[in-house]
Amino acid sequence: MKKINYVYVASPYTKGDVAVNVRHSLEVGDRLITLGFIPFCPLVSHFQHLLFPRPYEDWLQLDIAWIDRCDAILRLPGESSGADREVAYAQQTGKFVFYSLEELCEYNLK
């Protein structure tokens, strides 16, 4: 069984408070680092977008490229058409999709 190292964090961004969503994603990313994973939190692009705005689809294309590089996706709770698209892409390409830190950690203990 393949051990999960690189984890893409898929989470809500525009539904609800954007600042709260970005903070939550980065908190989970920090927790993943503490647990020994190598996370990619695409919501960090929020800060780049503030300075250098790009169309929504540009960001999704970059996200897809990062999903290809990761071993798995961790889908955080909350409504998000973008995160749902990321999960669908990951499933189509045979990536692991986890819906909680506990589920991800349990998988790596097998």
N, C-alpha and C. Protein backbone atom coordinates (compact mmCIF):
# COMPACT_ATOMS: atom_id res chain seq x y z
N MET A 1 0.84 -1.18 0.00
CA MET A 1 0.00 0.00 0.00
C MET A 1 0.89 1.25 0.00
N LYS A 2 0.56 2.19 -0.87
CA LYS A 2 1.36 3.41 -1.00
C LYS A 2 1.12 4.36 0.17
N LYS A 3 2.20 4.81 0.78
CA LYS A 3 2.10 5.80 1.85
C LYS A 3 1.82 7.17 1.24
N ILE A 4 0.95 7.92 1.89
CA ILE A 4 0.59 9.27 1.46
C ILE A 4 1.60 10.25 2.05
N ASN A 5 2.23 11.04 1.20
CA ASN A 5 3.14 12.10 1.65
C ASN A 5 2.61 13.48 1.26
N TYR A 6 2.41 13.68 -0.02
CA TYR A 6 1.99 14.98 -0.55
C TYR A 6 0.47 15.07 -0.57
N VAL A 7 -0.07 16.07 0.10
CA VAL A 7 -1.51 16.20 0.27
C VAL A 7 -1.98 17.56 -0.23
N TYR A 8 -2.93 17.54 -1.14
CA TYR A 8 -3.58 18.75 -1.65
C TYR A 8 -4.79 19.04 -0.76
N VAL A 9 -4.89 20.24 -0.24
CA VAL A 9 -5.99 20.61 0.64
C VAL A 9 -7.07 21.34 -0.17
N ALA A 10 -8.18 20.65 -0.40
CA ALA A 10 -9.31 21.22 -1.16
C ALA A 10 -10.33 21.74 -0.16
N SER A 11 -10.69 23.01 -0.31
CA SER A 11 -11.58 23.60 0.68
C SER A 11 -12.40 24.74 0.07
N PRO A 12 -13.47 25.14 0.77
CA PRO A 12 -14.25 26.29 0.32
C PRO A 12 -13.40 27.56 0.30
N TYR A 13 -13.72 28.43 -0.63
CA TYR A 13 -13.02 29.70 -0.71
C TYR A 13 -14.03 30.85 -0.72
N THR A 14 -14.87 30.92 -1.72
CA THR A 14 -15.73 32.09 -1.90
C THR A 14 -17.07 32.00 -1.16
N LYS A 15 -17.47 30.80 -0.76
CA LYS A 15 -18.74 30.67 -0.01
C LYS A 15 -18.44 30.93 1.46
N GLY A 16 -19.11 31.91 2.03
CA GLY A 16 -18.82 32.31 3.40
C GLY A 16 -17.77 33.39 3.42
N ASP A 17 -17.10 33.54 4.53
CA ASP A 17 -16.09 34.57 4.72
C ASP A 17 -14.76 34.09 4.15
N VAL A 18 -14.27 34.77 3.13
CA VAL A 18 -13.03 34.36 2.45
C VAL A 18 -11.87 34.30 3.44
N ALA A 19 -11.74 35.30 4.31
CA ALA A 19 -10.63 35.32 5.27
C ALA A 19 -10.69 34.12 6.21
N VAL A 20 -11.87 33.78 6.67
CA VAL A 20 -12.04 32.63 7.55
C VAL A 20 -11.69 31.34 6.80
N ASN A 21 -12.12 31.25 5.56
CA ASN A 21 -11.83 30.06 4.75
C ASN A 21 -10.34 29.89 4.51
N VAL A 22 -9.65 30.97 4.19
CA VAL A 22 -8.20 30.91 3.96
C VAL A 22 -7.50 30.51 5.26
N ARG A 23 -7.88 31.12 6.34
CA ARG A 23 -7.26 30.79 7.63
C ARG A 23 -7.45 29.31 7.97
N HIS A 24 -8.67 28.80 7.80
CA HIS A 24 -8.94 27.40 8.12
C HIS A 24 -8.09 26.47 7.26
N SER A 25 -8.00 26.75 5.98
CA SER A 25 -7.18 25.92 5.08
C SER A 25 -5.72 25.91 5.52
N LEU A 26 -5.20 27.08 5.87
CA LEU A 26 -3.80 27.16 6.30
C LEU A 26 -3.58 26.51 7.66
N GLU A 27 -4.58 26.59 8.54
CA GLU A 27 -4.48 25.88 9.83
C GLU A 27 -4.38 24.38 9.60
N VAL A 28 -5.21 23.86 8.70
CA VAL A 28 -5.15 22.43 8.39
C VAL A 28 -3.81 22.09 7.75
N GLY A 29 -3.33 22.95 6.85
CA GLY A 29 -2.02 22.73 6.26
C GLY A 29 -0.92 22.67 7.31
N ASP A 30 -1.00 23.55 8.29
CA ASP A 30 -0.01 23.55 9.37
C ASP A 30 -0.09 22.27 10.19
N ARG A 31 -1.30 21.82 10.44
CA ARG A 31 -1.50 20.55 11.17
C ARG A 31 -0.91 19.39 10.38
N LEU A 32 -1.11 19.40 9.07
CA LEU A 32 -0.53 18.35 8.22
C LEU A 32 0.99 18.33 8.33
N ILE A 33 1.61 19.51 8.33
CA ILE A 33 3.08 19.59 8.48
C ILE A 33 3.49 18.96 9.81
N THR A 34 2.77 19.31 10.87
CA THR A 34 3.08 18.76 12.19
C THR A 34 2.97 17.24 12.20
N LEU A 35 2.03 16.70 11.43
CA LEU A 35 1.83 15.25 11.36
C LEU A 35 2.79 14.56 10.40
N GLY A 36 3.65 15.33 9.74
CA GLY A 36 4.66 14.74 8.87
C GLY A 36 4.31 14.68 7.40
N PHE A 37 3.21 15.32 7.01
CA PHE A 37 2.82 15.36 5.60
C PHE A 37 3.44 16.58 4.92
N ILE A 38 3.36 16.61 3.62
CA ILE A 38 3.82 17.75 2.82
C ILE A 38 2.59 18.31 2.11
N PRO A 39 1.96 19.31 2.71
CA PRO A 39 0.70 19.81 2.14
C PRO A 39 0.90 20.88 1.08
N PHE A 40 -0.08 20.98 0.20
CA PHE A 40 -0.20 22.12 -0.70
C PHE A 40 -1.57 22.72 -0.44
N CYS A 41 -1.60 23.96 -0.01
CA CYS A 41 -2.85 24.68 0.28
C CYS A 41 -3.07 25.72 -0.82
N PRO A 42 -3.92 25.42 -1.79
CA PRO A 42 -4.11 26.35 -2.90
C PRO A 42 -4.68 27.71 -2.48
N LEU A 43 -5.30 27.78 -1.31
CA LEU A 43 -5.86 29.07 -0.90
C LEU A 43 -4.79 30.09 -0.55
N VAL A 44 -3.55 29.67 -0.47
CA VAL A 44 -2.47 30.64 -0.28
C VAL A 44 -2.41 31.57 -1.50
N SER A 45 -2.94 31.10 -2.64
CA SER A 45 -2.97 31.95 -3.84
C SER A 45 -3.89 33.15 -3.65
N HIS A 46 -4.70 33.14 -2.60
CA HIS A 46 -5.54 34.30 -2.27
C HIS A 46 -4.68 35.57 -2.20
N PHE A 47 -3.51 35.43 -1.59
CA PHE A 47 -2.64 36.59 -1.42
C PHE A 47 -2.03 37.04 -2.74
N GLN A 48 -1.68 36.09 -3.58
CA GLN A 48 -1.17 36.45 -4.91
C GLN A 48 -2.27 37.10 -5.74
N HIS A 49 -3.48 36.57 -5.62
CA HIS A 49 -4.61 37.10 -6.39
C HIS A 49 -4.92 38.54 -5.98
N LEU A 50 -4.70 38.90 -4.74
CA LEU A 50 -4.93 40.28 -4.31
C LEU A 50 -4.02 41.25 -5.07
N LEU A 51 -2.79 40.82 -5.33
CA LEU A 51 -1.82 41.67 -6.02
C LEU A 51 -1.86 41.52 -7.54
N PHE A 52 -2.12 40.30 -7.99
CA PHE A 52 -2.10 39.99 -9.43
C PHE A 52 -3.32 39.16 -9.78
N PRO A 53 -4.49 39.80 -9.89
CA PRO A 53 -5.73 39.07 -10.15
C PRO A 53 -5.68 38.29 -11.47
N ARG A 54 -6.28 37.11 -11.43
CA ARG A 54 -6.40 36.26 -12.62
C ARG A 54 -7.82 35.71 -12.66
N PRO A 55 -8.25 35.28 -13.83
CA PRO A 55 -9.58 34.65 -13.92
C PRO A 55 -9.64 33.36 -13.11
N TYR A 56 -10.83 33.05 -12.65
CA TYR A 56 -11.08 31.86 -11.84
C TYR A 56 -10.53 30.60 -12.49
N GLU A 57 -10.76 30.44 -13.78
CA GLU A 57 -10.31 29.22 -14.48
C GLU A 57 -8.78 29.09 -14.48
N ASP A 58 -8.05 30.21 -14.47
CA ASP A 58 -6.59 30.14 -14.38
C ASP A 58 -6.17 29.46 -13.08
N TRP A 59 -6.83 29.84 -11.99
CA TRP A 59 -6.50 29.25 -10.69
C TRP A 59 -6.83 27.77 -10.68
N LEU A 60 -7.97 27.41 -11.26
CA LEU A 60 -8.34 25.99 -11.29
C LEU A 60 -7.36 25.17 -12.12
N GLN A 61 -6.86 25.74 -13.21
CA GLN A 61 -5.85 25.02 -14.01
C GLN A 61 -4.58 24.77 -13.20
N LEU A 62 -4.16 25.76 -12.44
CA LEU A 62 -2.99 25.57 -11.57
C LEU A 62 -3.28 24.52 -10.50
N ASP A 63 -4.49 24.56 -9.95
CA ASP A 63 -4.87 23.58 -8.93
C ASP A 63 -4.81 22.16 -9.48
N ILE A 64 -5.30 21.97 -10.69
CA ILE A 64 -5.27 20.64 -11.32
C ILE A 64 -3.83 20.17 -11.48
N ALA A 65 -2.94 21.06 -11.88
CA ALA A 65 -1.53 20.69 -12.02
C ALA A 65 -0.95 20.24 -10.69
N TRP A 66 -1.33 20.91 -9.60
CA TRP A 66 -0.84 20.51 -8.28
C TRP A 66 -1.45 19.18 -7.83
N ILE A 67 -2.71 18.97 -8.14
CA ILE A 67 -3.34 17.68 -7.80
C ILE A 67 -2.57 16.54 -8.46
N ASP A 68 -2.15 16.75 -9.70
CA ASP A 68 -1.38 15.72 -10.41
C ASP A 68 -0.09 15.38 -9.67
N ARG A 69 0.47 16.33 -8.95
CA ARG A 69 1.74 16.13 -8.24
C ARG A 69 1.56 15.51 -6.85
N CYS A 70 0.35 15.60 -6.32
CA CYS A 70 0.11 15.12 -4.95
C CYS A 70 -0.33 13.66 -4.95
N ASP A 71 -0.17 13.02 -3.78
CA ASP A 71 -0.59 11.64 -3.60
C ASP A 71 -2.08 11.54 -3.31
N ALA A 72 -2.63 12.59 -2.70
CA ALA A 72 -4.01 12.53 -2.25
C ALA A 72 -4.57 13.94 -2.07
N ILE A 73 -5.88 13.98 -1.93
CA ILE A 73 -6.60 15.22 -1.61
C ILE A 73 -7.25 15.05 -0.24
N LEU A 74 -7.17 16.09 0.55
CA LEU A 74 -7.94 16.18 1.78
C LEU A 74 -9.03 17.21 1.52
N ARG A 75 -10.28 16.76 1.47
CA ARG A 75 -11.41 17.66 1.20
C ARG A 75 -11.98 18.14 2.53
N LEU A 76 -11.84 19.44 2.77
CA LEU A 76 -12.38 20.03 3.99
C LEU A 76 -13.88 20.26 3.84
N PRO A 77 -14.61 20.28 4.94
CA PRO A 77 -16.07 20.47 4.89
C PRO A 77 -16.45 21.84 4.34
N GLY A 78 -17.64 21.89 3.79
CA GLY A 78 -18.21 23.15 3.32
C GLY A 78 -18.52 23.10 1.84
N GLU A 79 -19.50 23.90 1.48
CA GLU A 79 -19.95 23.96 0.10
C GLU A 79 -18.90 24.64 -0.77
N SER A 80 -18.53 24.00 -1.87
CA SER A 80 -17.54 24.58 -2.78
C SER A 80 -17.58 23.86 -4.12
N SER A 81 -18.03 24.56 -5.14
CA SER A 81 -18.05 23.95 -6.47
C SER A 81 -16.62 23.71 -6.97
N GLY A 82 -15.68 24.59 -6.63
CA GLY A 82 -14.29 24.42 -7.04
C GLY A 82 -13.66 23.20 -6.38
N ALA A 83 -13.83 23.06 -5.07
CA ALA A 83 -13.28 21.89 -4.37
C ALA A 83 -13.96 20.61 -4.85
N ASP A 84 -15.24 20.69 -5.16
CA ASP A 84 -15.94 19.51 -5.71
C ASP A 84 -15.36 19.11 -7.07
N ARG A 85 -15.04 20.09 -7.89
CA ARG A 85 -14.40 19.81 -9.18
C ARG A 85 -13.02 19.19 -8.98
N GLU A 86 -12.29 19.67 -8.00
CA GLU A 86 -10.96 19.12 -7.70
C GLU A 86 -11.07 17.67 -7.26
N VAL A 87 -12.05 17.38 -6.41
CA VAL A 87 -12.25 16.00 -5.94
C VAL A 87 -12.64 15.11 -7.13
N ALA A 88 -13.53 15.58 -7.97
CA ALA A 88 -13.94 14.79 -9.14
C ALA A 88 -12.74 14.48 -10.03
N TYR A 89 -11.91 15.48 -10.26
CA TYR A 89 -10.71 15.27 -11.07
C TYR A 89 -9.78 14.25 -10.41
N ALA A 90 -9.58 14.40 -9.12
CA ALA A 90 -8.70 13.47 -8.39
C ALA A 90 -9.22 12.05 -8.50
N GLN A 91 -10.52 11.87 -8.34
CA GLN A 91 -11.10 10.53 -8.44
C GLN A 91 -10.95 9.96 -9.85
N GLN A 92 -11.14 10.79 -10.86
CA GLN A 92 -10.99 10.35 -12.26
C GLN A 92 -9.57 9.90 -12.55
N THR A 93 -8.61 10.50 -11.87
CA THR A 93 -7.20 10.17 -12.14
C THR A 93 -6.62 9.19 -11.13
N GLY A 94 -7.49 8.61 -10.30
CA GLY A 94 -7.06 7.56 -9.39
C GLY A 94 -6.37 8.02 -8.12
N LYS A 95 -6.53 9.28 -7.77
CA LYS A 95 -5.94 9.79 -6.53
C LYS A 95 -6.80 9.39 -5.34
N PHE A 96 -6.17 9.30 -4.19
CA PHE A 96 -6.91 9.07 -2.95
C PHE A 96 -7.60 10.36 -2.55
N VAL A 97 -8.81 10.24 -2.03
CA VAL A 97 -9.55 11.39 -1.51
C VAL A 97 -9.95 11.07 -0.08
N PHE A 98 -9.57 11.94 0.84
CA PHE A 98 -9.91 11.77 2.25
C PHE A 98 -10.77 12.95 2.68
N TYR A 99 -11.64 12.70 3.66
CA TYR A 99 -12.57 13.73 4.11
C TYR A 99 -12.32 14.15 5.57
N SER A 100 -11.25 13.63 6.16
CA SER A 100 -10.86 14.07 7.51
C SER A 100 -9.38 13.74 7.72
N LEU A 101 -8.76 14.48 8.63
CA LEU A 101 -7.38 14.20 9.00
C LEU A 101 -7.25 12.80 9.59
N GLU A 102 -8.25 12.42 10.37
CA GLU A 102 -8.22 11.10 11.01
C GLU A 102 -8.21 9.99 9.96
N GLU A 103 -9.05 10.14 8.95
CA GLU A 103 -9.11 9.14 7.87
C GLU A 103 -7.77 9.05 7.14
N LEU A 104 -7.16 10.18 6.87
CA LEU A 104 -5.86 10.22 6.20
C LEU A 104 -4.79 9.55 7.06
N CYS A 105 -4.74 9.90 8.33
CA CYS A 105 -3.74 9.32 9.22
C CYS A 105 -3.94 7.81 9.39
N GLU A 106 -5.19 7.37 9.51
CA GLU A 106 -5.47 5.93 9.63
C GLU A 106 -4.97 5.18 8.40
N TYR A 107 -5.18 5.76 7.22
CA TYR A 107 -4.71 5.11 6.00
C TYR A 107 -3.20 4.89 6.05
N ASN A 108 -2.47 5.90 6.49
CA ASN A 108 -1.00 5.80 6.52
C ASN A 108 -0.51 4.81 7.58
N LEU A 109 -1.34 4.48 8.55
CA LEU A 109 -0.94 3.51 9.58
C LEU A 109 -1.10 2.07 9.12
N LYS A 110 -1.83 1.85 8.05
CA LYS A 110 -2.06 0.49 7.55
C LYS A 110 -0.78 -0.14 7.05
